Amino acid sequence: MKKDIHPDYLSTTVTCACGNIMEMGSTKANIKIEICSKCHPFFTGKQKLIDTAGRIERFRKKYEKFQSK
């Protein structure tokens, strides 16, 4: 392995927006993330449905006639 070409590997803290703090190894110090395994819907089993501008209702209205057959 060549010397002086690799970045320094540090022990750092990763902080999630939900408040979860994890200790990891990285080349960056003090990483902040928006979502982690403690708050991600896939891992928690809770799904959040965000309906922006009534898109779901417009979709249902558009394909309503196909469901009635």
Protein backbone atom coordinates (compact mmCIF):
# COMPACT_ATOMS: atom_id res chain seq x y z
CA MET A 1 0.00 0.00 0.00
CA LYS A 2 1.38 3.40 -0.94
CA LYS A 3 2.06 5.89 1.82
CA ASP A 4 0.65 9.43 2.05
CA ILE A 5 -2.12 8.98 -0.54
CA HIS A 6 -4.98 7.86 1.71
CA PRO A 7 -7.04 10.27 3.86
CA ASP A 8 -6.92 9.98 7.64
CA TYR A 9 -9.47 7.54 9.07
CA LEU A 10 -11.13 9.02 12.17
CA SER A 11 -13.53 7.87 14.84
CA THR A 12 -16.47 10.24 14.36
CA THR A 13 -20.04 10.80 15.55
CA VAL A 14 -23.00 10.63 13.18
CA THR A 15 -26.01 12.64 14.36
CA CYS A 16 -29.48 12.11 12.90
CA ALA A 17 -32.25 14.72 12.82
CA CYS A 18 -34.34 12.43 15.08
CA GLY A 19 -31.68 12.70 17.80
CA ASN A 20 -29.99 9.32 17.34
CA ILE A 21 -26.19 9.49 17.77
CA MET A 22 -23.87 6.78 16.41
CA GLU A 23 -20.11 6.30 16.66
CA MET A 24 -18.48 5.26 13.38
CA GLY A 25 -15.24 5.41 11.48
CA SER A 26 -15.00 7.87 8.61
CA THR A 27 -12.72 10.26 6.80
CA LYS A 28 -14.98 13.16 7.87
CA ALA A 29 -15.61 14.44 11.38
CA ASN A 30 -19.05 15.07 12.93
CA ILE A 31 -21.48 13.97 10.21
CA LYS A 32 -25.12 15.13 10.32
CA ILE A 33 -27.81 13.12 8.49
CA GLU A 34 -31.56 13.57 7.99
CA ILE A 35 -32.72 9.98 8.39
CA CYS A 36 -31.33 6.82 10.00
CA SER A 37 -32.43 3.26 10.77
CA LYS A 38 -34.18 4.43 13.96
CA CYS A 39 -36.55 6.76 12.08
CA HIS A 40 -36.68 5.40 8.49
CA PRO A 41 -40.14 3.97 7.62
CA PHE A 42 -38.64 0.75 6.21
CA PHE A 43 -37.04 -0.14 9.55
CA THR A 44 -39.79 1.20 11.85
CA GLY A 45 -42.71 -0.30 9.93
CA LYS A 46 -44.57 3.01 9.99
CA GLN A 47 -45.24 4.49 6.59
CA LYS A 48 -45.79 8.20 6.17
CA LEU A 49 -47.92 9.22 3.22
CA ILE A 50 -47.39 12.78 2.09
CA ASP A 51 -50.06 14.02 -0.30
CA THR A 52 -48.88 17.16 -2.01
CA ALA A 53 -51.48 19.16 -3.90
CA GLY A 54 -54.04 16.32 -3.90
CA ARG A 55 -52.09 14.07 -6.26
CA ILE A 56 -53.53 10.89 -4.81
CA GLU A 57 -57.10 12.14 -5.17
CA ARG A 58 -56.45 13.23 -8.76
CA PHE A 59 -55.00 9.80 -9.55
CA ARG A 60 -57.99 8.00 -8.01
CA LYS A 61 -60.44 10.24 -9.84
CA LYS A 62 -58.64 9.71 -13.15
CA TYR A 63 -58.66 5.89 -12.89
CA GLU A 64 -62.01 5.55 -11.10
CA LYS A 65 -63.79 4.25 -14.21
CA PHE A 66 -61.30 1.38 -14.58
CA GLN A 67 -61.95 0.17 -11.02
CA SER A 68 -65.71 -0.02 -11.53
CA LYS A 69 -65.41 -2.64 -14.33
